[in-house]
PDB file of all heavy atoms in Angstrom:
ATOM      1  N   ASN A   1    -246.401   0.767 187.019  1.00  0.00           N
ATOM      2  CA  ASN A   1    -245.902   2.143 186.955  1.00  0.00           C
ATOM      3  C   ASN A   1    -245.335   2.425 185.572  1.00  0.00           C
ATOM      4  O   ASN A   1    -244.372   1.771 185.145  1.00  0.00           O
ATOM      5  CB  ASN A   1    -244.825   2.342 188.028  1.00  0.00           C
ATOM      6  CG  ASN A   1    -244.413   3.796 188.152  1.00  0.00           C
ATOM      7  OD1 ASN A   1    -244.718   4.630 187.290  1.00  0.00           O
ATOM      8  ND2 ASN A   1    -243.710   4.098 189.231  1.00  0.00           N
ATOM      9  N   PRO A   2    -245.895   3.385 184.813  1.00  0.00           N
ATOM     10  CA  PRO A   2    -245.394   3.650 183.463  1.00  0.00           C
ATOM     11  C   PRO A   2    -243.954   4.148 183.444  1.00  0.00           C
ATOM     12  O   PRO A   2    -243.208   3.872 182.501  1.00  0.00           O
ATOM     13  CB  PRO A   2    -246.364   4.721 182.932  1.00  0.00           C
ATOM     14  CG  PRO A   2    -246.980   5.326 184.154  1.00  0.00           C
ATOM     15  CD  PRO A   2    -247.036   4.239 185.174  1.00  0.00           C
ATOM     16  N   VAL A   3    -243.557   4.886 184.479  1.00  0.00           N
ATOM     17  CA  VAL A   3    -242.176   5.376 184.526  1.00  0.00           C
ATOM     18  C   VAL A   3    -241.205   4.208 184.630  1.00  0.00           C
ATOM     19  O   VAL A   3    -240.188   4.153 183.924  1.00  0.00           O
ATOM     20  CB  VAL A   3    -241.993   6.341 185.720  1.00  0.00           C
ATOM     21  CG1 VAL A   3    -240.533   6.797 185.807  1.00  0.00           C
ATOM     22  CG2 VAL A   3    -242.924   7.538 185.585  1.00  0.00           C
ATOM     23  N   SER A   4    -241.544   3.239 185.509  1.00  0.00           N
ATOM     24  CA  SER A   4    -240.687   2.053 185.634  1.00  0.00           C
ATOM     25  C   SER A   4    -240.685   1.261 184.335  1.00  0.00           C
ATOM     26  O   SER A   4    -239.651   0.696 183.930  1.00  0.00           O
ATOM     27  CB  SER A   4    -241.175   1.171 186.783  1.00  0.00           C
ATOM     28  OG  SER A   4    -241.158   1.884 187.998  1.00  0.00           O
ATOM     29  N   GLY A   5    -241.825   1.218 183.657  1.00  0.00           N
ATOM     30  CA  GLY A   5    -241.899   0.516 182.375  1.00  0.00           C
ATOM     31  C   GLY A   5    -241.003   1.148 181.328  1.00  0.00           C
ATOM     32  O   GLY A   5    -240.339   0.446 180.548  1.00  0.00           O
ATOM     33  N   ILE A   6    -240.970   2.484 181.286  1.00  0.00           N
ATOM     34  CA  ILE A   6    -240.101   3.181 180.325  1.00  0.00           C
ATOM     35  C   ILE A   6    -238.631   2.928 180.658  1.00  0.00           C
ATOM     36  O   ILE A   6    -237.802   2.726 179.761  1.00  0.00           O
ATOM     37  CB  ILE A   6    -240.413   4.692 180.335  1.00  0.00           C
ATOM     38  CG1 ILE A   6    -241.822   4.929 179.787  1.00  0.00           C
ATOM     39  CG2 ILE A   6    -239.390   5.463 179.512  1.00  0.00           C
ATOM     40  CD1 ILE A   6    -242.280   6.360 179.876  1.00  0.00           C
ATOM     41  N   LYS A   7    -238.302   2.908 181.979  1.00  0.00           N
ATOM     42  CA  LYS A   7    -236.922   2.629 182.364  1.00  0.00           C
ATOM     43  C   LYS A   7    -236.509   1.230 181.925  1.00  0.00           C
ATOM     44  O   LYS A   7    -235.385   1.012 181.469  1.00  0.00           O
ATOM     45  CB  LYS A   7    -236.778   2.777 183.878  1.00  0.00           C
ATOM     46  CG  LYS A   7    -236.854   4.222 184.364  1.00  0.00           C
ATOM     47  CD  LYS A   7    -236.659   4.281 185.874  1.00  0.00           C
ATOM     48  CE  LYS A   7    -236.711   5.714 186.370  1.00  0.00           C
ATOM     49  NZ  LYS A   7    -236.537   5.801 187.857  1.00  0.00           N
ATOM     50  N   ARG A   8    -237.430   0.264 182.108  1.00  0.00           N
ATOM     51  CA  ARG A   8    -237.107  -1.103 181.674  1.00  0.00           C
ATOM     52  C   ARG A   8    -236.963  -1.170 180.161  1.00  0.00           C
ATOM     53  O   ARG A   8    -236.149  -1.936 179.637  1.00  0.00           O
ATOM     54  CB  ARG A   8    -238.202  -2.084 182.140  1.00  0.00           C
ATOM     55  CG  ARG A   8    -238.204  -2.344 183.634  1.00  0.00           C
ATOM     56  CD  ARG A   8    -239.048  -3.558 183.969  1.00  0.00           C
ATOM     57  NE  ARG A   8    -240.438  -3.370 183.581  1.00  0.00           N
ATOM     58  CZ  ARG A   8    -241.379  -2.881 184.380  1.00  0.00           C
ATOM     59  NH1 ARG A   8    -241.055  -2.518 185.620  1.00  0.00           N
ATOM     60  NH2 ARG A   8    -242.626  -2.739 183.975  1.00  0.00           N
ATOM     61  N   LEU A   9    -237.746  -0.352 179.452  1.00  0.00           N
ATOM     62  CA  LEU A   9    -237.702  -0.374 177.992  1.00  0.00           C
ATOM     63  C   LEU A   9    -236.356   0.091 177.468  1.00  0.00           C
ATOM     64  O   LEU A   9    -235.871  -0.402 176.445  1.00  0.00           O
ATOM     65  CB  LEU A   9    -238.828   0.509 177.439  1.00  0.00           C
ATOM     66  CG  LEU A   9    -239.022   0.512 175.925  1.00  0.00           C
ATOM     67  CD1 LEU A   9    -239.397  -0.890 175.443  1.00  0.00           C
ATOM     68  CD2 LEU A   9    -240.102   1.509 175.531  1.00  0.00           C
ATOM     69  N   PHE A  10    -235.735   1.046 178.169  1.00  0.00           N
ATOM     70  CA  PHE A  10    -234.455   1.586 177.730  1.00  0.00           C
ATOM     71  C   PHE A  10    -233.301   1.147 178.637  1.00  0.00           C
ATOM     72  O   PHE A  10    -232.290   1.827 178.728  1.00  0.00           O
ATOM     73  CB  PHE A  10    -234.519   3.127 177.707  1.00  0.00           C
ATOM     74  CG  PHE A  10    -235.462   3.670 176.671  1.00  0.00           C
ATOM     75  CD1 PHE A  10    -236.756   4.036 177.022  1.00  0.00           C
ATOM     76  CD2 PHE A  10    -235.066   3.782 175.346  1.00  0.00           C
ATOM     77  CE1 PHE A  10    -237.632   4.526 176.069  1.00  0.00           C
ATOM     78  CE2 PHE A  10    -235.944   4.281 174.393  1.00  0.00           C
ATOM     79  CZ  PHE A  10    -237.226   4.651 174.747  1.00  0.00           C
ATOM     80  N   SER A  11    -233.476  -0.006 179.268  1.00  0.00           N
ATOM     81  CA  SER A  11    -232.432  -0.521 180.152  1.00  0.00           C
ATOM     82  C   SER A  11    -231.427  -1.358 179.372  1.00  0.00           C
ATOM     83  O   SER A  11    -231.616  -1.662 178.193  1.00  0.00           O
ATOM     84  CB  SER A  11    -233.067  -1.380 181.250  1.00  0.00           C
ATOM     85  OG  SER A  11    -233.701  -2.515 180.688  1.00  0.00           O
ATOM     86  N   LEU A  12    -230.349  -1.722 180.057  1.00  0.00           N
ATOM     87  CA  LEU A  12    -229.326  -2.568 179.447  1.00  0.00           C
ATOM     88  C   LEU A  12    -229.899  -3.911 179.048  1.00  0.00           C
ATOM     89  O   LEU A  12    -229.558  -4.457 177.993  1.00  0.00           O
ATOM     90  CB  LEU A  12    -228.166  -2.756 180.433  1.00  0.00           C
ATOM     91  CG  LEU A  12    -227.040  -3.699 179.984  1.00  0.00           C
ATOM     92  CD1 LEU A  12    -226.368  -3.185 178.715  1.00  0.00           C
ATOM     93  CD2 LEU A  12    -226.015  -3.877 181.107  1.00  0.00           C
ATOM     94  N   ARG A  13    -230.798  -4.447 179.880  1.00  0.00           N
ATOM     95  CA  ARG A  13    -231.409  -5.745 179.564  1.00  0.00           C
ATOM     96  C   ARG A  13    -232.198  -5.668 178.257  1.00  0.00           C
ATOM     97  O   ARG A  13    -232.126  -6.583 177.424  1.00  0.00           O
ATOM     98  CB  ARG A  13    -232.319  -6.190 180.717  1.00  0.00           C
ATOM     99  CG  ARG A  13    -233.163  -7.412 180.413  1.00  0.00           C
ATOM    100  CD  ARG A  13    -233.921  -7.846 181.641  1.00  0.00           C
ATOM    101  NE  ARG A  13    -233.019  -8.433 182.604  1.00  0.00           N
ATOM    102  CZ  ARG A  13    -232.650  -9.715 182.586  1.00  0.00           C
ATOM    103  NH1 ARG A  13    -233.091 -10.519 181.633  1.00  0.00           N
ATOM    104  NH2 ARG A  13    -231.849 -10.185 183.498  1.00  0.00           N
ATOM    105  N   SER A  14    -232.965  -4.586 178.068  1.00  0.00           N
ATOM    106  CA  SER A  14    -233.740  -4.442 176.830  1.00  0.00           C
ATOM    107  C   SER A  14    -232.815  -4.339 175.627  1.00  0.00           C
ATOM    108  O   SER A  14    -233.102  -4.906 174.560  1.00  0.00           O
ATOM    109  CB  SER A  14    -234.631  -3.201 176.926  1.00  0.00           C
ATOM    110  OG  SER A  14    -235.549  -3.326 177.995  1.00  0.00           O
ATOM    111  N   LEU A  15    -231.711  -3.633 175.808  1.00  0.00           N
ATOM    112  CA  LEU A  15    -230.745  -3.525 174.707  1.00  0.00           C
ATOM    113  C   LEU A  15    -230.156  -4.891 174.376  1.00  0.00           C
ATOM    114  O   LEU A  15    -230.018  -5.246 173.192  1.00  0.00           O
ATOM    115  CB  LEU A  15    -229.635  -2.552 175.096  1.00  0.00           C
ATOM    116  CG  LEU A  15    -228.500  -2.367 174.071  1.00  0.00           C
ATOM    117  CD1 LEU A  15    -229.053  -1.837 172.746  1.00  0.00           C
ATOM    118  CD2 LEU A  15    -227.428  -1.441 174.620  1.00  0.00           C
ATOM    119  N   VAL A  16    -229.829  -5.647 175.400  1.00  0.00           N
ATOM    120  CA  VAL A  16    -229.272  -6.982 175.169  1.00  0.00           C
ATOM    121  C   VAL A  16    -230.299  -7.880 174.486  1.00  0.00           C
ATOM    122  O   VAL A  16    -229.961  -8.654 173.569  1.00  0.00           O
ATOM    123  CB  VAL A  16    -228.805  -7.601 176.500  1.00  0.00           C
ATOM    124  CG1 VAL A  16    -228.410  -9.069 176.310  1.00  0.00           C
ATOM    125  CG2 VAL A  16    -227.633  -6.814 177.064  1.00  0.00           C
ATOM    126  N   GLU A  17    -231.566  -7.803 174.913  1.00  0.00           N
ATOM    127  CA  GLU A  17    -232.604  -8.616 174.289  1.00  0.00           C
ATOM    128  C   GLU A  17    -232.773  -8.247 172.816  1.00  0.00           C
ATOM    129  O   GLU A  17    -232.966  -9.113 171.956  1.00  0.00           O
ATOM    130  CB  GLU A  17    -233.930  -8.424 175.031  1.00  0.00           C
ATOM    131  CG  GLU A  17    -233.953  -8.973 176.446  1.00  0.00           C
ATOM    132  CD  GLU A  17    -233.774 -10.481 176.479  1.00  0.00           C
ATOM    133  OE1 GLU A  17    -234.193 -11.148 175.509  1.00  0.00           O
ATOM    134  OE2 GLU A  17    -233.204 -10.984 177.456  1.00  0.00           O
ATOM    135  N   LEU A  18    -232.681  -6.943 172.515  1.00  0.00           N
ATOM    136  CA  LEU A  18    -232.782  -6.504 171.117  1.00  0.00           C
ATOM    137  C   LEU A  18    -231.617  -7.043 170.304  1.00  0.00           C
ATOM    138  O   LEU A  18    -231.803  -7.549 169.180  1.00  0.00           O
ATOM    139  CB  LEU A  18    -232.814  -4.975 171.059  1.00  0.00           C
ATOM    140  CG  LEU A  18    -232.814  -4.353 169.646  1.00  0.00           C
ATOM    141  CD1 LEU A  18    -234.055  -4.798 168.869  1.00  0.00           C
ATOM    142  CD2 LEU A  18    -232.741  -2.840 169.740  1.00  0.00           C
ATOM    143  N   LEU A  19    -230.417  -6.955 170.854  1.00  0.00           N
ATOM    144  CA  LEU A  19    -229.242  -7.470 170.147  1.00  0.00           C
ATOM    145  C   LEU A  19    -229.339  -8.981 169.959  1.00  0.00           C
ATOM    146  O   LEU A  19    -228.947  -9.503 168.898  1.00  0.00           O
ATOM    147  CB  LEU A  19    -227.973  -7.112 170.930  1.00  0.00           C
ATOM    148  CG  LEU A  19    -227.637  -5.617 171.004  1.00  0.00           C
ATOM    149  CD1 LEU A  19    -226.398  -5.401 171.869  1.00  0.00           C
ATOM    150  CD2 LEU A  19    -227.407  -5.045 169.604  1.00  0.00           C
ATOM    151  N   LYS A  20    -229.870  -9.678 170.952  1.00  0.00           N
ATOM    152  CA  LYS A  20    -230.021 -11.135 170.806  1.00  0.00           C
ATOM    153  C   LYS A  20    -231.027 -11.464 169.710  1.00  0.00           C
ATOM    154  O   LYS A  20    -230.828 -12.410 168.938  1.00  0.00           O
ATOM    155  CB  LYS A  20    -230.467 -11.746 172.134  1.00  0.00           C
ATOM    156  CG  LYS A  20    -229.377 -11.826 173.175  1.00  0.00           C
ATOM    157  CD  LYS A  20    -229.766 -12.728 174.330  1.00  0.00           C
ATOM    158  CE  LYS A  20    -231.016 -12.254 175.022  1.00  0.00           C
ATOM    159  NZ  LYS A  20    -231.360 -13.097 176.194  1.00  0.00           N
ATOM    160  N   THR A  21    -232.110 -10.698 169.641  1.00  0.00           N
ATOM    161  CA  THR A  21    -233.118 -10.944 168.609  1.00  0.00           C
ATOM    162  C   THR A  21    -232.539 -10.720 167.221  1.00  0.00           C
ATOM    163  O   THR A  21    -232.754 -11.532 166.304  1.00  0.00           O
ATOM    164  CB  THR A  21    -234.324 -10.016 168.830  1.00  0.00           C
ATOM    165  OG1 THR A  21    -234.859 -10.249 170.144  1.00  0.00           O
ATOM    166  CG2 THR A  21    -235.403 -10.286 167.800  1.00  0.00           C
ATOM    167  N   LEU A  22    -231.786  -9.627 167.055  1.00  0.00           N
ATOM    168  CA  LEU A  22    -231.149  -9.361 165.759  1.00  0.00           C
ATOM    169  C   LEU A  22    -230.131 -10.440 165.436  1.00  0.00           C
ATOM    170  O   LEU A  22    -230.026 -10.891 164.280  1.00  0.00           O
ATOM    171  CB  LEU A  22    -230.481  -7.984 165.787  1.00  0.00           C
ATOM    172  CG  LEU A  22    -231.431  -6.777 165.904  1.00  0.00           C
ATOM    173  CD1 LEU A  22    -230.624  -5.483 166.033  1.00  0.00           C
ATOM    174  CD2 LEU A  22    -232.359  -6.705 164.698  1.00  0.00           C
ATOM    175  N   ALA A  23    -229.385 -10.868 166.457  1.00  0.00           N
ATOM    176  CA  ALA A  23    -228.374 -11.905 166.223  1.00  0.00           C
ATOM    177  C   ALA A  23    -229.033 -13.217 165.831  1.00  0.00           C
ATOM    178  O   ALA A  23    -228.562 -13.920 164.918  1.00  0.00           O
ATOM    179  CB  ALA A  23    -227.527 -12.092 167.486  1.00  0.00           C
ATOM    180  N   LYS A  24    -230.127 -13.546 166.517  1.00  0.00           N
ATOM    181  CA  LYS A  24    -230.836 -14.782 166.149  1.00  0.00           C
ATOM    182  C   LYS A  24    -231.349 -14.711 164.709  1.00  0.00           C
ATOM    183  O   LYS A  24    -231.248 -15.689 163.960  1.00  0.00           O
ATOM    184  CB  LYS A  24    -232.007 -15.003 167.110  1.00  0.00           C
ATOM    185  CG  LYS A  24    -231.612 -15.563 168.445  1.00  0.00           C
ATOM    186  CD  LYS A  24    -232.820 -16.038 169.230  1.00  0.00           C
ATOM    187  CE  LYS A  24    -233.684 -14.873 169.651  1.00  0.00           C
ATOM    188  NZ  LYS A  24    -234.802 -15.321 170.523  1.00  0.00           N
ATOM    189  N   PHE A  25    -231.906 -13.558 164.348  1.00  0.00           N
ATOM    190  CA  PHE A  25    -232.425 -13.401 162.991  1.00  0.00           C
ATOM    191  C   PHE A  25    -231.308 -13.579 161.964  1.00  0.00           C
ATOM    192  O   PHE A  25    -231.468 -14.294 160.956  1.00  0.00           O
ATOM    193  CB  PHE A  25    -233.075 -12.029 162.845  1.00  0.00           C
ATOM    194  CG  PHE A  25    -233.554 -11.741 161.454  1.00  0.00           C
ATOM    195  CD1 PHE A  25    -234.717 -12.307 160.958  1.00  0.00           C
ATOM    196  CD2 PHE A  25    -232.810 -10.906 160.615  1.00  0.00           C
ATOM    197  CE1 PHE A  25    -235.142 -12.051 159.651  1.00  0.00           C
ATOM    198  CE2 PHE A  25    -233.229 -10.641 159.326  1.00  0.00           C
ATOM    199  CZ  PHE A  25    -234.394 -11.211 158.845  1.00  0.00           C
ATOM    200  N   LEU A  26    -230.165 -12.930 162.211  1.00  0.00           N
ATOM    201  CA  LEU A  26    -229.056 -13.007 161.259  1.00  0.00           C
ATOM    202  C   LEU A  26    -228.470 -14.416 161.207  1.00  0.00           C
ATOM    203  O   LEU A  26    -228.233 -14.958 160.114  1.00  0.00           O
ATOM    204  CB  LEU A  26    -227.968 -12.004 161.648  1.00  0.00           C
ATOM    205  CG  LEU A  26    -228.345 -10.520 161.497  1.00  0.00           C
ATOM    206  CD1 LEU A  26    -227.223  -9.635 162.031  1.00  0.00           C
ATOM    207  CD2 LEU A  26    -228.640 -10.184 160.039  1.00  0.00           C
ATOM    208  N   VAL A  27    -228.242 -15.011 162.358  1.00  0.00           N
ATOM    209  CA  VAL A  27    -227.601 -16.325 162.399  1.00  0.00           C
ATOM    210  C   VAL A  27    -228.522 -17.392 161.823  1.00  0.00           C
ATOM    211  O   VAL A  27    -228.120 -18.193 160.951  1.00  0.00           O
ATOM    212  CB  VAL A  27    -227.196 -16.677 163.843  1.00  0.00           C
ATOM    213  CG1 VAL A  27    -226.692 -18.117 163.921  1.00  0.00           C
ATOM    214  CG2 VAL A  27    -226.116 -15.733 164.327  1.00  0.00           C
ATOM    215  N   VAL A  28    -229.768 -17.413 162.289  1.00  0.00           N
ATOM    216  CA  VAL A  28    -230.702 -18.424 161.794  1.00  0.00           C
ATOM    217  C   VAL A  28    -231.035 -18.190 160.328  1.00  0.00           C
ATOM    218  O   VAL A  28    -231.128 -19.136 159.534  1.00  0.00           O
ATOM    219  CB  VAL A  28    -231.988 -18.426 162.656  1.00  0.00           C
ATOM    220  CG1 VAL A  28    -233.018 -19.397 162.094  1.00  0.00           C
ATOM    221  CG2 VAL A  28    -231.661 -18.792 164.099  1.00  0.00           C
ATOM    222  N   GLY A  29    -231.198 -16.918 159.943  1.00  0.00           N
ATOM    223  CA  GLY A  29    -231.472 -16.617 158.530  1.00  0.00           C
ATOM    224  C   GLY A  29    -230.341 -17.054 157.625  1.00  0.00           C
ATOM    225  O   GLY A  29    -230.564 -17.646 156.558  1.00  0.00           O
ATOM    226  N   THR A  30    -229.102 -16.757 158.064  1.00  0.00           N
ATOM    227  CA  THR A  30    -227.945 -17.175 157.262  1.00  0.00           C
ATOM    228  C   THR A  30    -227.870 -18.689 157.162  1.00  0.00           C
ATOM    229  O   THR A  30    -227.618 -19.259 156.084  1.00  0.00           O
ATOM    230  CB  THR A  30    -226.657 -16.629 157.899  1.00  0.00           C
ATOM    231  OG1 THR A  30    -226.732 -15.203 157.976  1.00  0.00           O
ATOM    232  CG2 THR A  30    -225.441 -17.027 157.073  1.00  0.00           C
ATOM    233  N   ALA A  31    -228.097 -19.376 158.313  1.00  0.00           N
ATOM    234  CA  ALA A  31    -228.063 -20.836 158.294  1.00  0.00           C
ATOM    235  C   ALA A  31    -229.166 -21.397 157.406  1.00  0.00           C
ATOM    236  O   ALA A  31    -228.949 -22.388 156.681  1.00  0.00           O
ATOM    237  CB  ALA A  31    -228.218 -21.367 159.717  1.00  0.00           C
ATOM    238  N   ALA A  32    -230.351 -20.759 157.407  1.00  0.00           N
ATOM    239  CA  ALA A  32    -231.453 -21.242 156.569  1.00  0.00           C
ATOM    240  C   ALA A  32    -231.138 -21.083 155.081  1.00  0.00           C
ATOM    241  O   ALA A  32    -231.412 -21.990 154.281  1.00  0.00           O
ATOM    242  CB  ALA A  32    -232.728 -20.476 156.919  1.00  0.00           C
ATOM    243  N   VAL A  33    -230.560 -19.953 154.713  1.00  0.00           N
ATOM    244  CA  VAL A  33    -230.206 -19.727 153.303  1.00  0.00           C
ATOM    245  C   VAL A  33    -229.170 -20.746 152.851  1.00  0.00           C
ATOM    246  O   VAL A  33    -229.295 -21.367 151.780  1.00  0.00           O
ATOM    247  CB  VAL A  33    -229.694 -18.287 153.114  1.00  0.00           C
ATOM    248  CG1 VAL A  33    -229.113 -18.126 151.709  1.00  0.00           C
ATOM    249  CG2 VAL A  33    -230.819 -17.289 153.336  1.00  0.00           C
ATOM    250  N   LEU A  34    -228.130 -20.937 153.652  1.00  0.00           N
ATOM    251  CA  LEU A  34    -227.086 -21.894 153.285  1.00  0.00           C
ATOM    252  C   LEU A  34    -227.636 -23.313 153.217  1.00  0.00           C
ATOM    253  O   LEU A  34    -227.273 -24.100 152.326  1.00  0.00           O
ATOM    254  CB  LEU A  34    -225.944 -21.835 154.302  1.00  0.00           C
ATOM    255  CG  LEU A  34    -225.152 -20.516 154.345  1.00  0.00           C
ATOM    256  CD1 LEU A  34    -224.106 -20.549 155.466  1.00  0.00           C
ATOM    257  CD2 LEU A  34    -224.479 -20.248 152.996  1.00  0.00           C
ATOM    258  N   LEU A  35    -228.544 -23.644 154.146  1.00  0.00           N
ATOM    259  CA  LEU A  35    -229.111 -24.985 154.161  1.00  0.00           C
ATOM    260  C   LEU A  35    -230.018 -25.214 152.949  1.00  0.00           C
ATOM    261  O   LEU A  35    -229.982 -26.297 152.327  1.00  0.00           O
ATOM    262  CB  LEU A  35    -229.898 -25.198 155.461  1.00  0.00           C
ATOM    263  CG  LEU A  35    -230.432 -26.614 155.703  1.00  0.00           C
ATOM    264  CD1 LEU A  35    -229.297 -27.610 155.830  1.00  0.00           C
ATOM    265  CD2 LEU A  35    -231.291 -26.637 156.974  1.00  0.00           C
TER     266      LEU A  35
END
């Protein structure tokens, strides 16, 4: 169902997954530069 898909896309879980991805990029990137 495309409507359910859009709801999942803009759900709290999707927001959390996006924040986790950005956090991983920042944390791992920073650790890689320092290393």
